[in-house]
Amino acid sequence: LNSSLLFSPLLLRAPKGDGHPVLALPGFLA
């Protein structure tokens, strides 16, 4: 998690989306 925060400027350089919907489903007990 801390690495993602550190690399957030780089992560935001990923290909941009086209606005389509994304459903995120959590794991067991989450």
PDB file of all heavy atoms in Angstrom:
ATOM      1  N   LEU A   1       0.831  -1.201   0.000  1.00  0.00           N
ATOM      2  CA  LEU A   1       0.000   0.000   0.000  1.00  0.00           C
ATOM      3  C   LEU A   1       0.863   1.247   0.000  1.00  0.00           C
ATOM      4  O   LEU A   1       0.623   2.194  -0.766  1.00  0.00           O
ATOM      5  CB  LEU A   1      -0.919  -0.006   1.218  1.00  0.00           C
ATOM      6  CG  LEU A   1      -1.774   1.253   1.431  1.00  0.00           C
ATOM      7  CD1 LEU A   1      -2.671   1.506   0.226  1.00  0.00           C
ATOM      8  CD2 LEU A   1      -2.603   1.128   2.702  1.00  0.00           C
ATOM      9  N   ASN A   2       1.876   1.265   0.840  1.00  0.00           N
ATOM     10  CA  ASN A   2       2.772   2.429   0.891  1.00  0.00           C
ATOM     11  C   ASN A   2       3.501   2.626  -0.433  1.00  0.00           C
ATOM     12  O   ASN A   2       3.726   3.770  -0.863  1.00  0.00           O
ATOM     13  CB  ASN A   2       3.788   2.258   2.015  1.00  0.00           C
ATOM     14  CG  ASN A   2       3.155   2.404   3.391  1.00  0.00           C
ATOM     15  OD1 ASN A   2       2.096   3.014   3.532  1.00  0.00           O
ATOM     16  ND2 ASN A   2       3.784   1.840   4.407  1.00  0.00           N
ATOM     17  N   SER A   3       3.839   1.527  -1.099  1.00  0.00           N
ATOM     18  CA  SER A   3       4.508   1.625  -2.398  1.00  0.00           C
ATOM     19  C   SER A   3       3.592   2.260  -3.430  1.00  0.00           C
ATOM     20  O   SER A   3       4.026   3.061  -4.262  1.00  0.00           O
ATOM     21  CB  SER A   3       4.947   0.231  -2.871  1.00  0.00           C
ATOM     22  OG  SER A   3       5.936  -0.305  -2.023  1.00  0.00           O
ATOM     23  N   SER A   4       2.310   1.906  -3.380  1.00  0.00           N
ATOM     24  CA  SER A   4       1.357   2.495  -4.322  1.00  0.00           C
ATOM     25  C   SER A   4       1.228   3.998  -4.113  1.00  0.00           C
ATOM     26  O   SER A   4       1.125   4.771  -5.067  1.00  0.00           O
ATOM     27  CB  SER A   4      -0.017   1.838  -4.177  1.00  0.00           C
ATOM     28  OG  SER A   4       0.015   0.515  -4.644  1.00  0.00           O
ATOM     29  N   LEU A   5       1.240   4.407  -2.852  1.00  0.00           N
ATOM     30  CA  LEU A   5       1.177   5.849  -2.553  1.00  0.00           C
ATOM     31  C   LEU A   5       2.430   6.539  -3.070  1.00  0.00           C
ATOM     32  O   LEU A   5       2.364   7.633  -3.642  1.00  0.00           O
ATOM     33  CB  LEU A   5       1.018   6.061  -1.050  1.00  0.00           C
ATOM     34  CG  LEU A   5      -0.277   5.531  -0.436  1.00  0.00           C
ATOM     35  CD1 LEU A   5      -0.249   5.679   1.082  1.00  0.00           C
ATOM     36  CD2 LEU A   5      -1.490   6.237  -1.019  1.00  0.00           C
ATOM     37  N   LEU A   6       3.573   5.881  -2.878  1.00  0.00           N
ATOM     38  CA  LEU A   6       4.842   6.450  -3.333  1.00  0.00           C
ATOM     39  C   LEU A   6       4.879   6.567  -4.854  1.00  0.00           C
ATOM     40  O   LEU A   6       5.352   7.562  -5.405  1.00  0.00           O
ATOM     41  CB  LEU A   6       6.001   5.573  -2.841  1.00  0.00           C
ATOM     42  CG  LEU A   6       7.409   5.990  -3.271  1.00  0.00           C
ATOM     43  CD1 LEU A   6       7.772   7.338  -2.650  1.00  0.00           C
ATOM     44  CD2 LEU A   6       8.427   4.933  -2.853  1.00  0.00           C
ATOM     45  N   PHE A   7       4.356   5.562  -5.523  1.00  0.00           N
ATOM     46  CA  PHE A   7       4.401   5.530  -6.987  1.00  0.00           C
ATOM     47  C   PHE A   7       3.153   6.113  -7.639  1.00  0.00           C
ATOM     48  O   PHE A   7       2.965   5.965  -8.853  1.00  0.00           O
ATOM     49  CB  PHE A   7       4.577   4.084  -7.469  1.00  0.00           C
ATOM     50  CG  PHE A   7       5.946   3.524  -7.264  1.00  0.00           C
ATOM     51  CD1 PHE A   7       6.138   2.462  -6.398  1.00  0.00           C
ATOM     52  CD2 PHE A   7       7.045   4.053  -7.926  1.00  0.00           C
ATOM     53  CE1 PHE A   7       7.397   1.927  -6.192  1.00  0.00           C
ATOM     54  CE2 PHE A   7       8.312   3.523  -7.740  1.00  0.00           C
ATOM     55  CZ  PHE A   7       8.495   2.460  -6.858  1.00  0.00           C
ATOM     56  N   SER A   8       2.307   6.780  -6.874  1.00  0.00           N
ATOM     57  CA  SER A   8       1.052   7.285  -7.437  1.00  0.00           C
ATOM     58  C   SER A   8       1.245   8.190  -8.655  1.00  0.00           C
ATOM     59  O   SER A   8       0.466   8.090  -9.624  1.00  0.00           O
ATOM     60  CB  SER A   8       0.226   7.997  -6.360  1.00  0.00           C
ATOM     61  OG  SER A   8       0.949   9.049  -5.758  1.00  0.00           O
ATOM     62  N   PRO A   9       2.249   9.069  -8.695  1.00  0.00           N
ATOM     63  CA  PRO A   9       2.417   9.884  -9.918  1.00  0.00           C
ATOM     64  C   PRO A   9       2.676   9.015 -11.143  1.00  0.00           C
ATOM     65  O   PRO A   9       2.184   9.315 -12.237  1.00  0.00           O
ATOM     66  CB  PRO A   9       3.631  10.764  -9.583  1.00  0.00           C
ATOM     67  CG  PRO A   9       3.641  10.842  -8.088  1.00  0.00           C
ATOM     68  CD  PRO A   9       3.215   9.476  -7.633  1.00  0.00           C
ATOM     69  N   LEU A  10       3.438   7.937 -10.952  1.00  0.00           N
ATOM     70  CA  LEU A  10       3.720   7.029 -12.062  1.00  0.00           C
ATOM     71  C   LEU A  10       2.482   6.226 -12.438  1.00  0.00           C
ATOM     72  O   LEU A  10       2.175   6.039 -13.619  1.00  0.00           O
ATOM     73  CB  LEU A  10       4.862   6.086 -11.676  1.00  0.00           C
ATOM     74  CG  LEU A  10       5.322   5.076 -12.736  1.00  0.00           C
ATOM     75  CD1 LEU A  10       5.763   5.803 -14.006  1.00  0.00           C
ATOM     76  CD2 LEU A  10       6.470   4.228 -12.189  1.00  0.00           C
ATOM     77  N   LEU A  11       1.739   5.763 -11.432  1.00  0.00           N
ATOM     78  CA  LEU A  11       0.532   4.983 -11.700  1.00  0.00           C
ATOM     79  C   LEU A  11      -0.502   5.787 -12.486  1.00  0.00           C
ATOM     80  O   LEU A  11      -1.233   5.230 -13.306  1.00  0.00           O
ATOM     81  CB  LEU A  11      -0.077   4.503 -10.382  1.00  0.00           C
ATOM     82  CG  LEU A  11       0.644   3.341  -9.688  1.00  0.00           C
ATOM     83  CD1 LEU A  11       0.119   3.156  -8.265  1.00  0.00           C
ATOM     84  CD2 LEU A  11       0.473   2.051 -10.485  1.00  0.00           C
ATOM     85  N   LEU A  12      -0.530   7.081 -12.256  1.00  0.00           N
ATOM     86  CA  LEU A  12      -1.506   7.923 -12.957  1.00  0.00           C
ATOM     87  C   LEU A  12      -1.115   8.180 -14.412  1.00  0.00           C
ATOM     88  O   LEU A  12      -1.875   8.798 -15.157  1.00  0.00           O
ATOM     89  CB  LEU A  12      -1.691   9.240 -12.216  1.00  0.00           C
ATOM     90  CG  LEU A  12      -2.421   9.110 -10.878  1.00  0.00           C
ATOM     91  CD1 LEU A  12      -2.418  10.435 -10.131  1.00  0.00           C
ATOM     92  CD2 LEU A  12      -3.853   8.611 -11.085  1.00  0.00           C
ATOM     93  N   ARG A  13       0.048   7.666 -14.808  1.00  0.00           N
ATOM     94  CA  ARG A  13       0.454   7.754 -16.210  1.00  0.00           C
ATOM     95  C   ARG A  13      -0.006   6.529 -16.996  1.00  0.00           C
ATOM     96  O   ARG A  13       0.289   6.400 -18.182  1.00  0.00           O
ATOM     97  CB  ARG A  13       1.976   7.895 -16.300  1.00  0.00           C
ATOM     98  CG  ARG A  13       2.496   9.235 -15.793  1.00  0.00           C
ATOM     99  CD  ARG A  13       4.009   9.237 -15.644  1.00  0.00           C
ATOM    100  NE  ARG A  13       4.686   8.840 -16.871  1.00  0.00           N
ATOM    101  CZ  ARG A  13       5.996   8.594 -16.949  1.00  0.00           C
ATOM    102  NH1 ARG A  13       6.747   8.687 -15.855  1.00  0.00           N
ATOM    103  NH2 ARG A  13       6.537   8.254 -18.100  1.00  0.00           N
ATOM    104  N   ALA A  14      -0.745   5.643 -16.353  1.00  0.00           N
ATOM    105  CA  ALA A  14      -1.285   4.463 -17.035  1.00  0.00           C
ATOM    106  C   ALA A  14      -2.275   4.908 -18.107  1.00  0.00           C
ATOM    107  O   ALA A  14      -2.789   6.033 -18.059  1.00  0.00           O
ATOM    108  CB  ALA A  14      -1.979   3.552 -16.024  1.00  0.00           C
ATOM    109  N   PRO A  15      -2.554   4.038 -19.083  1.00  0.00           N
ATOM    110  CA  PRO A  15      -3.533   4.395 -20.127  1.00  0.00           C
ATOM    111  C   PRO A  15      -4.859   4.829 -19.517  1.00  0.00           C
ATOM    112  O   PRO A  15      -5.346   4.218 -18.567  1.00  0.00           O
ATOM    113  CB  PRO A  15      -3.688   3.088 -20.915  1.00  0.00           C
ATOM    114  CG  PRO A  15      -2.415   2.343 -20.669  1.00  0.00           C
ATOM    115  CD  PRO A  15      -2.008   2.687 -19.267  1.00  0.00           C
ATOM    116  N   LYS A  16      -5.427   5.884 -20.058  1.00  0.00           N
ATOM    117  CA  LYS A  16      -6.689   6.412 -19.535  1.00  0.00           C
ATOM    118  C   LYS A  16      -7.877   5.566 -20.007  1.00  0.00           C
ATOM    119  O   LYS A  16      -7.839   4.929 -21.051  1.00  0.00           O
ATOM    120  CB  LYS A  16      -6.876   7.866 -19.981  1.00  0.00           C
ATOM    121  CG  LYS A  16      -5.825   8.808 -19.408  1.00  0.00           C
ATOM    122  CD  LYS A  16      -5.906   8.866 -17.889  1.00  0.00           C
ATOM    123  CE  LYS A  16      -4.974   9.897 -17.284  1.00  0.00           C
ATOM    124  NZ  LYS A  16      -3.556   9.519 -17.378  1.00  0.00           N
ATOM    125  N   GLY A  17      -8.937   5.584 -19.206  1.00  0.00           N
ATOM    126  CA  GLY A  17     -10.116   4.805 -19.526  1.00  0.00           C
ATOM    127  C   GLY A  17     -11.061   5.530 -20.471  1.00  0.00           C
ATOM    128  O   GLY A  17     -10.905   6.727 -20.736  1.00  0.00           O
ATOM    129  N   ASP A  18     -12.059   4.824 -20.965  1.00  0.00           N
ATOM    130  CA  ASP A  18     -13.040   5.401 -21.881  1.00  0.00           C
ATOM    131  C   ASP A  18     -14.364   5.680 -21.175  1.00  0.00           C
ATOM    132  O   ASP A  18     -15.380   5.932 -21.817  1.00  0.00           O
ATOM    133  CB  ASP A  18     -13.274   4.464 -23.065  1.00  0.00           C
ATOM    134  CG  ASP A  18     -13.830   3.103 -22.645  1.00  0.00           C
ATOM    135  OD1 ASP A  18     -14.046   2.880 -21.427  1.00  0.00           O
ATOM    136  OD2 ASP A  18     -14.055   2.253 -23.535  1.00  0.00           O
ATOM    137  N   GLY A  19     -14.348   5.646 -19.833  1.00  0.00           N
ATOM    138  CA  GLY A  19     -15.540   5.973 -19.074  1.00  0.00           C
ATOM    139  C   GLY A  19     -16.495   4.822 -18.852  1.00  0.00           C
ATOM    140  O   GLY A  19     -17.548   5.014 -18.244  1.00  0.00           O
ATOM    141  N   HIS A  20     -16.147   3.622 -19.305  1.00  0.00           N
ATOM    142  CA  HIS A  20     -17.081   2.517 -19.130  1.00  0.00           C
ATOM    143  C   HIS A  20     -17.141   2.085 -17.661  1.00  0.00           C
ATOM    144  O   HIS A  20     -16.218   2.336 -16.885  1.00  0.00           O
ATOM    145  CB  HIS A  20     -16.740   1.336 -20.054  1.00  0.00           C
ATOM    146  CG  HIS A  20     -15.628   0.456 -19.593  1.00  0.00           C
ATOM    147  ND1 HIS A  20     -14.306   0.634 -19.968  1.00  0.00           N
ATOM    148  CD2 HIS A  20     -15.631  -0.661 -18.808  1.00  0.00           C
ATOM    149  CE1 HIS A  20     -13.564  -0.315 -19.453  1.00  0.00           C
ATOM    150  NE2 HIS A  20     -14.333  -1.111 -18.732  1.00  0.00           N
ATOM    151  N   PRO A  21     -18.243   1.464 -17.249  1.00  0.00           N
ATOM    152  CA  PRO A  21     -18.414   1.097 -15.833  1.00  0.00           C
ATOM    153  C   PRO A  21     -17.551  -0.079 -15.420  1.00  0.00           C
ATOM    154  O   PRO A  21     -17.346  -1.022 -16.191  1.00  0.00           O
ATOM    155  CB  PRO A  21     -19.900   0.746 -15.743  1.00  0.00           C
ATOM    156  CG  PRO A  21     -20.267   0.311 -17.130  1.00  0.00           C
ATOM    157  CD  PRO A  21     -19.442   1.152 -18.046  1.00  0.00           C
ATOM    158  N   VAL A  22     -17.046  -0.006 -14.181  1.00  0.00           N
ATOM    159  CA  VAL A  22     -16.228  -1.073 -13.602  1.00  0.00           C
ATOM    160  C   VAL A  22     -16.801  -1.420 -12.229  1.00  0.00           C
ATOM    161  O   VAL A  22     -16.917  -0.552 -11.357  1.00  0.00           O
ATOM    162  CB  VAL A  22     -14.757  -0.635 -13.456  1.00  0.00           C
ATOM    163  CG1 VAL A  22     -13.937  -1.748 -12.810  1.00  0.00           C
ATOM    164  CG2 VAL A  22     -14.164  -0.254 -14.814  1.00  0.00           C
ATOM    165  N   LEU A  23     -17.147  -2.670 -12.050  1.00  0.00           N
ATOM    166  CA  LEU A  23     -17.668  -3.158 -10.774  1.00  0.00           C
ATOM    167  C   LEU A  23     -16.551  -3.868 -10.024  1.00  0.00           C
ATOM    168  O   LEU A  23     -15.894  -4.760 -10.566  1.00  0.00           O
ATOM    169  CB  LEU A  23     -18.827  -4.127 -11.026  1.00  0.00           C
ATOM    170  CG  LEU A  23     -19.377  -4.900  -9.818  1.00  0.00           C
ATOM    171  CD1 LEU A  23     -19.915  -3.952  -8.749  1.00  0.00           C
ATOM    172  CD2 LEU A  23     -20.447  -5.891 -10.261  1.00  0.00           C
ATOM    173  N   ALA A  24     -16.318  -3.469  -8.767  1.00  0.00           N
ATOM    174  CA  ALA A  24     -15.249  -4.044  -7.954  1.00  0.00           C
ATOM    175  C   ALA A  24     -15.841  -4.890  -6.831  1.00  0.00           C
ATOM    176  O   ALA A  24     -16.590  -4.380  -5.995  1.00  0.00           O
ATOM    177  CB  ALA A  24     -14.379  -2.932  -7.375  1.00  0.00           C
ATOM    178  N   LEU A  25     -15.498  -6.175  -6.806  1.00  0.00           N
ATOM    179  CA  LEU A  25     -16.052  -7.114  -5.828  1.00  0.00           C
ATOM    180  C   LEU A  25     -14.994  -7.520  -4.811  1.00  0.00           C
ATOM    181  O   LEU A  25     -13.912  -7.986  -5.191  1.00  0.00           O
ATOM    182  CB  LEU A  25     -16.579  -8.363  -6.550  1.00  0.00           C
ATOM    183  CG  LEU A  25     -17.647  -8.109  -7.622  1.00  0.00           C
ATOM    184  CD1 LEU A  25     -18.011  -9.412  -8.318  1.00  0.00           C
ATOM    185  CD2 LEU A  25     -18.877  -7.448  -7.016  1.00  0.00           C
ATOM    186  N   PRO A  26     -15.273  -7.349  -3.520  1.00  0.00           N
ATOM    187  CA  PRO A  26     -14.277  -7.628  -2.471  1.00  0.00           C
ATOM    188  C   PRO A  26     -14.091  -9.114  -2.214  1.00  0.00           C
ATOM    189  O   PRO A  26     -14.917  -9.953  -2.605  1.00  0.00           O
ATOM    190  CB  PRO A  26     -14.869  -6.939  -1.243  1.00  0.00           C
ATOM    191  CG  PRO A  26     -16.352  -7.033  -1.466  1.00  0.00           C
ATOM    192  CD  PRO A  26     -16.538  -6.860  -2.951  1.00  0.00           C
ATOM    193  N   GLY A  27     -13.021  -9.439  -1.520  1.00  0.00           N
ATOM    194  CA  GLY A  27     -12.725 -10.818  -1.175  1.00  0.00           C
ATOM    195  C   GLY A  27     -13.473 -11.274   0.070  1.00  0.00           C
ATOM    196  O   GLY A  27     -14.234 -10.520   0.686  1.00  0.00           O
ATOM    197  N   PHE A  28     -13.230 -12.514   0.431  1.00  0.00           N
ATOM    198  CA  PHE A  28     -13.874 -13.118   1.597  1.00  0.00           C
ATOM    199  C   PHE A  28     -13.527 -12.338   2.864  1.00  0.00           C
ATOM    200  O   PHE A  28     -12.373 -12.010   3.109  1.00  0.00           O
ATOM    201  CB  PHE A  28     -13.412 -14.570   1.719  1.00  0.00           C
ATOM    202  CG  PHE A  28     -14.015 -15.333   2.859  1.00  0.00           C
ATOM    203  CD1 PHE A  28     -15.384 -15.350   3.066  1.00  0.00           C
ATOM    204  CD2 PHE A  28     -13.215 -16.041   3.736  1.00  0.00           C
ATOM    205  CE1 PHE A  28     -15.952 -16.058   4.115  1.00  0.00           C
ATOM    206  CE2 PHE A  28     -13.758 -16.757   4.789  1.00  0.00           C
ATOM    207  CZ  PHE A  28     -15.133 -16.764   4.982  1.00  0.00           C
ATOM    208  N   LEU A  29     -14.541 -12.030   3.649  1.00  0.00           N
ATOM    209  CA  LEU A  29     -14.460 -11.287   4.917  1.00  0.00           C
ATOM    210  C   LEU A  29     -14.175  -9.802   4.725  1.00  0.00           C
ATOM    211  O   LEU A  29     -14.126  -9.054   5.704  1.00  0.00           O
ATOM    212  CB  LEU A  29     -13.411 -11.892   5.863  1.00  0.00           C
ATOM    213  CG  LEU A  29     -13.670 -13.323   6.321  1.00  0.00           C
ATOM    214  CD1 LEU A  29     -12.554 -13.766   7.272  1.00  0.00           C
ATOM    215  CD2 LEU A  29     -15.031 -13.451   7.000  1.00  0.00           C
ATOM    216  N   ALA A  30     -14.007  -9.363   3.489  1.00  0.00           N
ATOM    217  CA  ALA A  30     -13.722  -7.953   3.222  1.00  0.00           C
ATOM    218  C   ALA A  30     -15.002  -7.220   2.845  1.00  0.00           C
ATOM    219  O   ALA A  30     -16.027  -7.825   2.525  1.00  0.00           O
ATOM    220  CB  ALA A  30     -12.689  -7.822   2.123  1.00  0.00           C
TER     221      ALA A  30
END
